[in-house]
Structures are given as C-alpha cells and as structure tokens.
C-alpha cells in the first residue's frame, strides 16, 4: 500500500453562485489597511494542493504558471485543473483579484504558481509532494503554501522542506484538524509540525480557537479558519472550514509583509528575518501557545503601536 498525504480534512458549509465582498477573514487580519502600500505585486506564492480552477474570473489573472504531478488527466504535466475545490478555495484566499466582483484575497496582486500534488480525491503520494516542493524551489517562488498533511514523518519530505527554507523560501503549512480543543493533548501532522515550517492553527470569526485545530509546541500562529468564503469550482464561491483555510491567510499576509519590509530595509531579508517580521505582526488571543503560537496575524499592528507612542497621544495621557 502506497503511503499518502491528503488535504487537511475540511468542511464545505455552503456553495454560492455570486458574491461581491471582501471576506471577513481578510478583513480580520487587517489586509485592506495595507493595500495602499502594497497588494503583493512581484511576490510568487506556490500553492501545493489539488490544482486550481484556472478559468475562475477572480483567479485567472493571478496565475503565472503551474504543473501537475498527479495521475489526474492521464498524468499530463501541463493539466493542473482542480476537480476537488480545495486548491481553488486556498488560491482565492491568498490572491483573488480586486476586480469589484466576487471576493478579494489577502494579497490581490500576488502571483500564483499552481503545483498540483493532490488528485481529485484530495490524496497524493509523498513523491508528488516532494517533487512539488523541489519545483517551487527551481521556479524561485517566494512562498510555499501547503494545506495538506499526513501522520508520517518522512525524512525525504523533511529534507525537501529544509532545502526550500535554505533557498530563502517561506514554507507555510496547516497545523492539522485532528484537534480536540484541549491544549494538554498534542496532535501532530506532517509537514505542519516540522520546526522549519510556519505552522498555522485556526480560529473562528469571533477569534475563539477552533476545536478541530491541532495543538502542539510547533504551532507558530493562527488565522481565520471557520466559515471562510473564497473561490470555488466552475467560477463559483464556497464557505469552508479548516486549518486549510487559515493557512492561506498567512501565506497572503507574508506576501504583503515581504514587499513592505524589503522596501523598508532596502535589501532582501532572509527567511529567518522575514519570519521575525511576521511574528512582530501577531496579537496574542489569550490561549495556550500550543493552540495559538504567537497569536493572530494582524497586519497593521505596527501602525497601531506607533499611534500609542505618538508624542501627542502620550502628552494627552500624561495630562489626565
């Protein structure tokens, strides 16, 4: 029996034909407040998933290439259409175009590299994942987003991730959906619990930790992961839940952060430095670090902190 990786289990809550809004999760992490500075232009996010609806009106302008490592479509490498829906939903949260119709992603001008490593059933061989990671490295992606996992710690998979990180690529993974809501028990999913990846847990839209979100000491931060509206198959939209949905919020946020901080420092920051800049933009929610890591990604926290230390504000406080 072949060892396999699967999409992180997720729930399709509702399918919708037409929408026109900025999803609540995108608003919650304060992405729109960054868009006057950057929308992620010039950053390429490699999505290792079930492919993508490449004709979706909110996504087709963002896709710069792709490849298929699965057996779908007879194994044709240039056929990376999504027949599952999971990959398309992830893609929309990262970078759905701001076109006054449909939904808007966190980084609506970022490029998407579609790397199909999971088939129409949401399953994939470890070799497909490893080949997908290596392809993202070859294509010089800035960020890898993986909302997939399995129970097995495979050295070859770990090595591929280490190679990507060494190439200055930020590897962002779902923590997993085997949680029981109790931080005293650990649930591990690979690659999400490798130390080298940025492991993302989930919260609901009221900022409560999601009961299904894995808890362990490798969770780095959390993102919105319940009732998440995004793009779906055949040009439609759907509301889904899972750490799979939290992960692309962080991938999109990282695209925005990379543009901002490289411009600010006037050099290209390393993967470790970029990770530090991400963690600077988190807000603790009061849960155990095993559930939320450093907290919720909150993109304009630096601006809000600078307001706190604004001389006029401080003078006003001191006069009270």
Protein backbone atom coordinates (compact mmCIF):
# COMPACT_ATOMS: atom_id res chain seq x y z
CA UNK A 1 0.00 0.00 0.00
CA UNK A 2 1.40 3.40 -1.00
CA UNK A 3 1.92 5.95 1.72
CA UNK A 4 -0.14 9.03 1.01
CA UNK A 5 -0.67 12.63 2.01
CA UNK A 6 -4.14 14.15 1.99
CA UNK A 7 -5.78 17.54 2.01
CA UNK A 8 -6.25 18.58 5.62
CA UNK A 9 -9.87 17.47 6.25
CA UNK A 10 -12.25 20.36 5.69
CA UNK A 11 -15.96 21.07 5.65
CA UNK A 12 -17.85 22.65 2.76
CA UNK A 13 -20.53 24.66 4.53
CA UNK A 14 -22.17 26.48 1.63
CA UNK A 15 -21.78 26.92 -2.13
CA UNK A 16 -22.66 30.31 -3.65
CA UNK A 17 -23.03 31.32 -7.29
CA UNK A 18 -22.27 35.04 -6.98
CA UNK A 19 -20.82 37.34 -4.32
CA UNK A 20 -19.20 40.76 -4.16
CA UNK A 21 -17.32 41.36 -0.94
CA UNK A 22 -14.07 41.35 0.96
CA UNK A 23 -14.30 38.17 3.06
CA UNK A 24 -14.45 38.60 6.83
CA UNK A 25 -11.22 36.66 7.34
CA UNK A 26 -9.32 39.02 5.03
CA UNK A 27 -10.72 41.98 6.97
CA UNK A 28 -9.93 40.35 10.32
CA UNK A 29 -6.20 40.20 9.65
CA UNK A 30 -6.32 43.86 8.53
CA UNK A 31 -5.15 43.20 4.97
CA UNK A 32 -7.18 46.06 3.41
CA UNK A 33 -5.33 48.56 5.61
CA UNK A 34 -2.07 47.52 3.92
CA UNK A 35 -3.31 47.71 0.33
CA UNK A 36 -2.48 51.39 -0.08
CA UNK A 37 1.17 50.38 0.47
CA UNK A 38 1.21 47.04 -1.36
CA UNK A 39 -1.10 44.37 -2.69
CA UNK A 40 1.70 41.83 -3.03
CA UNK A 41 2.85 42.67 -6.54
CA UNK A 42 6.04 40.86 -7.53
CA UNK A 43 5.66 38.05 -4.98
CA UNK A 44 5.05 34.50 -6.18
CA UNK A 45 3.18 32.08 -3.94
CA UNK A 46 3.44 28.41 -4.88
CA UNK A 47 0.28 26.54 -3.86
CA UNK A 48 0.81 22.79 -3.42
CA UNK A 49 -2.72 21.44 -3.48
CA UNK A 50 -5.42 19.93 -5.70
CA UNK A 51 -4.79 22.35 -8.57
CA UNK A 52 -6.91 25.40 -9.37
CA UNK A 53 -9.91 26.49 -11.40
CA UNK A 54 -7.67 28.29 -13.88
CA UNK A 55 -10.59 29.99 -15.63
CA UNK A 56 -12.13 31.44 -12.46
CA UNK A 57 -12.67 35.19 -13.07
CA UNK A 58 -11.12 36.07 -9.69
CA UNK A 59 -8.01 33.93 -10.23
CA UNK A 60 -7.12 33.69 -13.92
CA UNK A 61 -5.15 36.96 -13.91
CA UNK A 62 -3.08 35.88 -10.92
CA UNK A 63 -1.88 32.51 -12.23
CA UNK A 64 1.60 32.71 -13.75
CA UNK A 65 2.15 29.01 -14.32
CA UNK A 66 1.66 25.54 -12.99
CA UNK A 67 2.43 21.85 -13.17
CA UNK A 68 0.70 18.56 -12.40
CA UNK A 69 2.48 15.77 -10.54
CA UNK A 70 -0.65 13.63 -10.01
CA UNK A 71 -2.29 10.94 -12.14
CA UNK A 72 -5.29 13.15 -12.98
CA UNK A 73 -5.76 13.85 -16.70
CA UNK A 74 -3.53 10.91 -17.54
CA UNK A 75 -0.64 12.50 -15.70
CA UNK A 76 -0.25 15.38 -18.18
CA UNK A 77 2.16 17.78 -16.54
CA UNK A 78 0.51 20.88 -18.00
CA UNK A 79 -3.01 19.93 -16.78
CA UNK A 80 -3.39 21.41 -13.31
CA UNK A 81 -7.14 22.00 -13.24
CA UNK A 82 -8.84 21.46 -9.90
CA UNK A 83 -11.55 18.78 -9.69
CA UNK A 84 -11.78 18.85 -5.90
CA UNK A 85 -12.30 22.50 -4.91
CA UNK A 86 -9.80 22.66 -2.06
CA UNK A 87 -6.94 24.20 -4.05
CA UNK A 88 -9.18 26.76 -5.71
CA UNK A 89 -10.51 27.88 -2.33
CA UNK A 90 -6.97 28.26 -0.96
CA UNK A 91 -5.90 30.25 -4.03
CA UNK A 92 -8.73 32.74 -3.64
CA UNK A 93 -7.90 33.50 -0.03
CA UNK A 94 -4.30 34.19 -0.96
CA UNK A 95 -4.73 36.32 -4.05
CA UNK A 96 -8.21 36.66 -5.57
CA UNK A 97 -8.08 39.76 -7.77
CA UNK A 98 -9.62 43.02 -6.58
CA UNK A 99 -11.98 43.49 -9.53
CA UNK A 100 -15.18 44.84 -7.93
CA UNK A 101 -16.77 41.43 -8.24
CA UNK A 102 -16.55 38.13 -6.38
CA UNK A 103 -14.11 38.01 -3.47
CA UNK A 104 -10.74 39.65 -2.76
CA UNK A 105 -7.70 37.80 -1.49
CA UNK A 106 -5.23 38.94 1.16
CA UNK A 107 -2.63 39.83 -1.48
CA UNK A 108 -4.72 40.57 -4.59
CA UNK A 109 -1.74 41.37 -6.85
CA UNK A 110 0.50 38.45 -5.86
CA UNK A 111 1.35 35.81 -8.46
CA UNK A 112 0.14 32.24 -8.06
CA UNK A 113 2.17 29.22 -9.13
CA UNK A 114 -0.20 26.24 -9.15
CA UNK A 115 1.56 22.99 -8.25
CA UNK A 116 -0.89 20.11 -8.32
CA UNK A 117 0.28 17.42 -5.90
CA UNK A 118 -3.12 16.11 -4.75
CA UNK A 119 -5.59 14.40 -7.06
CA UNK A 120 -9.33 14.88 -7.49
CA UNK A 121 -9.89 12.81 -4.34
CA UNK A 122 -7.60 15.08 -2.32
CA UNK A 123 -4.88 12.45 -1.97
CA UNK A 124 -1.27 12.43 -3.10
CA UNK A 125 1.87 10.34 -2.94
CA UNK A 126 4.77 11.62 -0.90
CA UNK A 127 6.89 11.71 -4.05
CA UNK A 128 4.40 14.12 -5.62
CA UNK A 129 4.71 16.50 -2.66
CA UNK A 130 8.49 16.30 -2.65
CA UNK A 131 8.63 16.90 -6.40
CA UNK A 132 6.27 19.84 -5.96
CA UNK A 133 8.46 21.44 -3.30
CA UNK A 134 11.55 20.96 -5.47
CA UNK A 135 9.72 22.51 -8.43
CA UNK A 136 8.80 25.57 -6.33
CA UNK A 137 12.49 25.94 -5.44
CA UNK A 138 13.51 25.65 -9.11
CA UNK A 139 10.92 28.28 -10.07
CA UNK A 140 12.25 30.61 -7.34
CA UNK A 141 8.93 31.00 -5.55
CA UNK A 142 8.90 33.39 -2.61
CA UNK A 143 6.40 31.42 -0.53
CA UNK A 144 5.12 27.84 -0.47
CA UNK A 145 1.61 27.25 0.89
CA UNK A 146 0.64 23.69 1.85
CA UNK A 147 -2.78 22.87 3.32
CA UNK A 148 -2.06 19.15 3.34
CA UNK A 149 -0.63 16.57 5.68
CA UNK A 150 -0.28 13.05 6.91
CA UNK A 151 0.69 11.16 10.07
CA UNK A 152 4.08 10.03 8.82
CA UNK A 153 7.41 11.78 9.46
CA UNK A 154 9.16 11.04 6.17
CA UNK A 155 12.86 12.11 6.11
CA UNK A 156 12.78 12.84 2.36
CA UNK A 157 9.86 15.24 2.83
CA UNK A 158 11.66 16.97 5.70
CA UNK A 159 14.80 17.29 3.59
CA UNK A 160 12.86 18.86 0.71
CA UNK A 161 11.41 21.45 3.09
CA UNK A 162 14.83 22.18 4.56
CA UNK A 163 16.14 22.70 1.02
CA UNK A 164 13.32 25.17 0.30
CA UNK A 165 13.97 27.12 3.51
CA UNK A 166 17.70 27.18 2.72
CA UNK A 167 16.72 28.77 -0.62
CA UNK A 168 15.04 31.59 1.36
CA UNK A 169 11.51 30.34 0.69
CA UNK A 170 8.93 30.71 3.44
CA UNK A 171 7.11 27.38 3.83
CA UNK A 172 3.66 27.81 5.38
CA UNK A 173 1.67 24.74 6.42
CA UNK A 174 -1.64 23.89 8.06
CA UNK A 175 -1.27 22.59 11.61
CA UNK A 176 -3.98 19.99 11.03
CA UNK A 177 -7.59 19.31 12.00
CA UNK A 178 -7.26 16.43 14.45
CA UNK A 179 -7.55 18.71 17.50
CA UNK A 180 -9.79 18.04 20.48
CA UNK A 181 -9.94 21.60 21.84
CA UNK A 182 -7.65 20.68 24.74
CA UNK A 183 -4.16 22.15 24.80
CA UNK A 184 -2.80 19.47 27.13
CA UNK A 185 -3.02 16.84 24.38
CA UNK A 186 -0.78 17.01 21.32
CA UNK A 187 -1.81 16.22 17.75
CA UNK A 188 0.90 16.07 15.09
CA UNK A 189 0.53 16.31 11.34
CA UNK A 190 3.41 16.37 8.85
CA UNK A 191 4.74 18.60 7.36
CA UNK A 192 2.87 21.05 9.62
CA UNK A 193 4.83 20.16 12.76
CA UNK A 194 8.32 20.42 11.28
CA UNK A 195 10.22 23.19 13.04
CA UNK A 196 11.32 24.73 9.73
CA UNK A 197 7.79 25.46 8.51
CA UNK A 198 5.43 28.20 9.65
CA UNK A 199 2.65 26.14 11.23
CA UNK A 200 -0.82 27.70 11.17
CA UNK A 201 -3.70 26.89 13.51
CA UNK A 202 -7.27 28.11 13.15
CA UNK A 203 -9.67 30.43 14.97
CA UNK A 204 -13.30 31.27 14.24
CA UNK A 205 -14.57 34.68 13.15
CA UNK A 206 -15.13 35.64 16.80
CA UNK A 207 -11.42 34.98 17.50
CA UNK A 208 -12.02 31.80 19.51
CA UNK A 209 -9.68 28.86 18.98
CA UNK A 210 -11.20 26.25 16.67
CA UNK A 211 -11.88 22.95 18.44
CA UNK A 212 -10.53 20.99 15.46
CA UNK A 213 -7.19 22.86 15.32
CA UNK A 214 -4.18 20.71 16.26
CA UNK A 215 -2.33 21.70 19.41
CA UNK A 216 1.41 21.13 19.79
CA UNK A 217 4.57 23.07 20.55
CA UNK A 218 5.33 23.79 16.88
CA UNK A 219 2.26 25.97 16.16
CA UNK A 220 3.57 29.41 15.17
CA UNK A 221 0.40 31.49 14.83
CA UNK A 222 -3.27 31.32 13.87
CA UNK A 223 -5.50 32.66 11.15
CA UNK A 224 -9.24 32.69 10.41
CA UNK A 225 -10.31 29.13 9.62
CA UNK A 226 -14.07 28.82 10.08
CA UNK A 227 -16.83 29.85 7.67
CA UNK A 228 -14.26 31.20 5.22
CA UNK A 229 -15.68 32.50 1.94
CA UNK A 230 -13.48 32.10 -1.14
CA UNK A 231 -13.36 30.98 -4.76
CA UNK A 232 -14.58 27.51 -5.73
CA UNK A 233 -15.06 25.25 -8.75
CA UNK A 234 -16.68 26.37 -12.01
CA UNK A 235 -16.35 30.07 -11.28
CA UNK A 236 -18.40 29.87 -8.09
CA UNK A 237 -17.73 30.52 -4.40
CA UNK A 238 -17.99 28.49 -1.22
CA UNK A 239 -17.71 28.77 2.55
CA UNK A 240 -15.30 26.22 4.05
CA UNK A 241 -13.79 25.50 7.48
CA UNK A 242 -10.43 24.01 8.49
CA UNK A 243 -6.81 24.89 9.21
CA UNK A 244 -6.53 24.57 5.42
CA UNK A 245 -8.44 27.85 5.27
CA UNK A 246 -6.32 29.57 7.95
CA UNK A 247 -3.04 28.78 6.16
CA UNK A 248 -3.65 30.87 3.00
CA UNK A 249 -4.48 33.91 5.15
CA UNK A 250 -0.93 33.70 6.50
CA UNK A 251 0.57 32.98 3.07
CA UNK A 252 -1.12 36.07 1.66
CA UNK A 253 -0.08 38.13 4.68
CA UNK A 254 3.50 37.02 4.20
CA UNK A 255 3.40 38.21 0.57
CA UNK A 256 2.39 41.69 1.76
CA UNK A 257 4.96 41.70 4.56
CA UNK A 258 7.81 40.67 2.27
CA UNK A 259 7.17 43.61 -0.06
CA UNK A 260 6.87 46.06 2.84
CA UNK A 261 9.93 45.05 4.82
CA UNK A 262 12.28 44.54 1.87
CA UNK A 263 11.42 48.08 0.77
CA UNK A 264 11.81 49.41 4.31
CA UNK A 265 15.20 47.78 4.92
CA UNK A 266 16.31 48.42 1.32
CA UNK A 267 17.58 44.85 0.97
CA UNK A 268 16.20 41.34 0.63
CA UNK A 269 15.64 39.91 4.08
CA UNK A 270 16.45 36.28 4.83
CA UNK A 271 13.80 33.66 5.57
CA UNK A 272 14.53 33.93 9.30
CA UNK A 273 14.30 37.71 9.21
CA UNK A 274 11.01 37.55 7.31
CA UNK A 275 9.65 35.07 9.84
CA UNK A 276 10.56 37.53 12.60
CA UNK A 277 8.71 40.29 10.76
CA UNK A 278 5.64 38.06 10.54
CA UNK A 279 5.70 37.29 14.25
CA UNK A 280 6.04 41.02 15.01
CA UNK A 281 2.65 41.32 13.34
CA UNK A 282 0.73 38.97 15.61
CA UNK A 283 -1.60 39.65 18.52
CA UNK A 284 -2.00 37.15 21.40
CA UNK A 285 -5.56 35.99 21.96
CA UNK A 286 -5.10 34.54 25.43
CA UNK A 287 -4.90 30.85 24.52
CA UNK A 288 -2.11 28.40 25.22
CA UNK A 289 0.86 28.78 22.82
CA UNK A 290 0.21 25.15 21.87
CA UNK A 291 -3.08 26.29 20.35
CA UNK A 292 -2.24 29.74 19.01
CA UNK A 293 1.55 30.01 18.95
CA UNK A 294 2.29 33.74 18.94
CA UNK A 295 -1.32 34.70 18.24
CA UNK A 296 -3.41 36.00 15.34
CA UNK A 297 -1.69 37.54 12.32
CA UNK A 298 -2.67 41.22 12.43
CA UNK A 299 -1.04 43.16 9.64
CA UNK A 300 -1.28 46.74 10.84
CA UNK A 301 -0.29 46.14 14.47
CA UNK A 302 2.92 48.13 13.90
CA UNK A 303 0.90 51.17 12.83
CA UNK A 304 -1.39 50.86 15.83
CA UNK A 305 1.56 50.56 18.21
CA UNK A 306 3.19 53.65 16.70
CA UNK A 307 -0.02 55.55 17.43
CA UNK A 308 0.24 54.51 21.07
CA UNK A 309 3.67 56.13 21.25
CA UNK A 310 2.70 59.18 19.23
CA UNK A 311 4.01 62.23 21.19
CA UNK A 312 0.61 63.96 21.12
CA UNK A 313 -1.12 60.84 22.41
CA UNK A 314 1.45 60.35 25.16
CA UNK A 315 1.18 64.03 26.16
CA UNK A 316 -2.58 63.68 26.35
CA UNK A 317 -2.25 60.62 28.59
CA UNK A 318 0.18 62.38 30.90
CA UNK A 319 -2.16 65.34 31.24
CA UNK A 320 -5.02 63.17 32.54
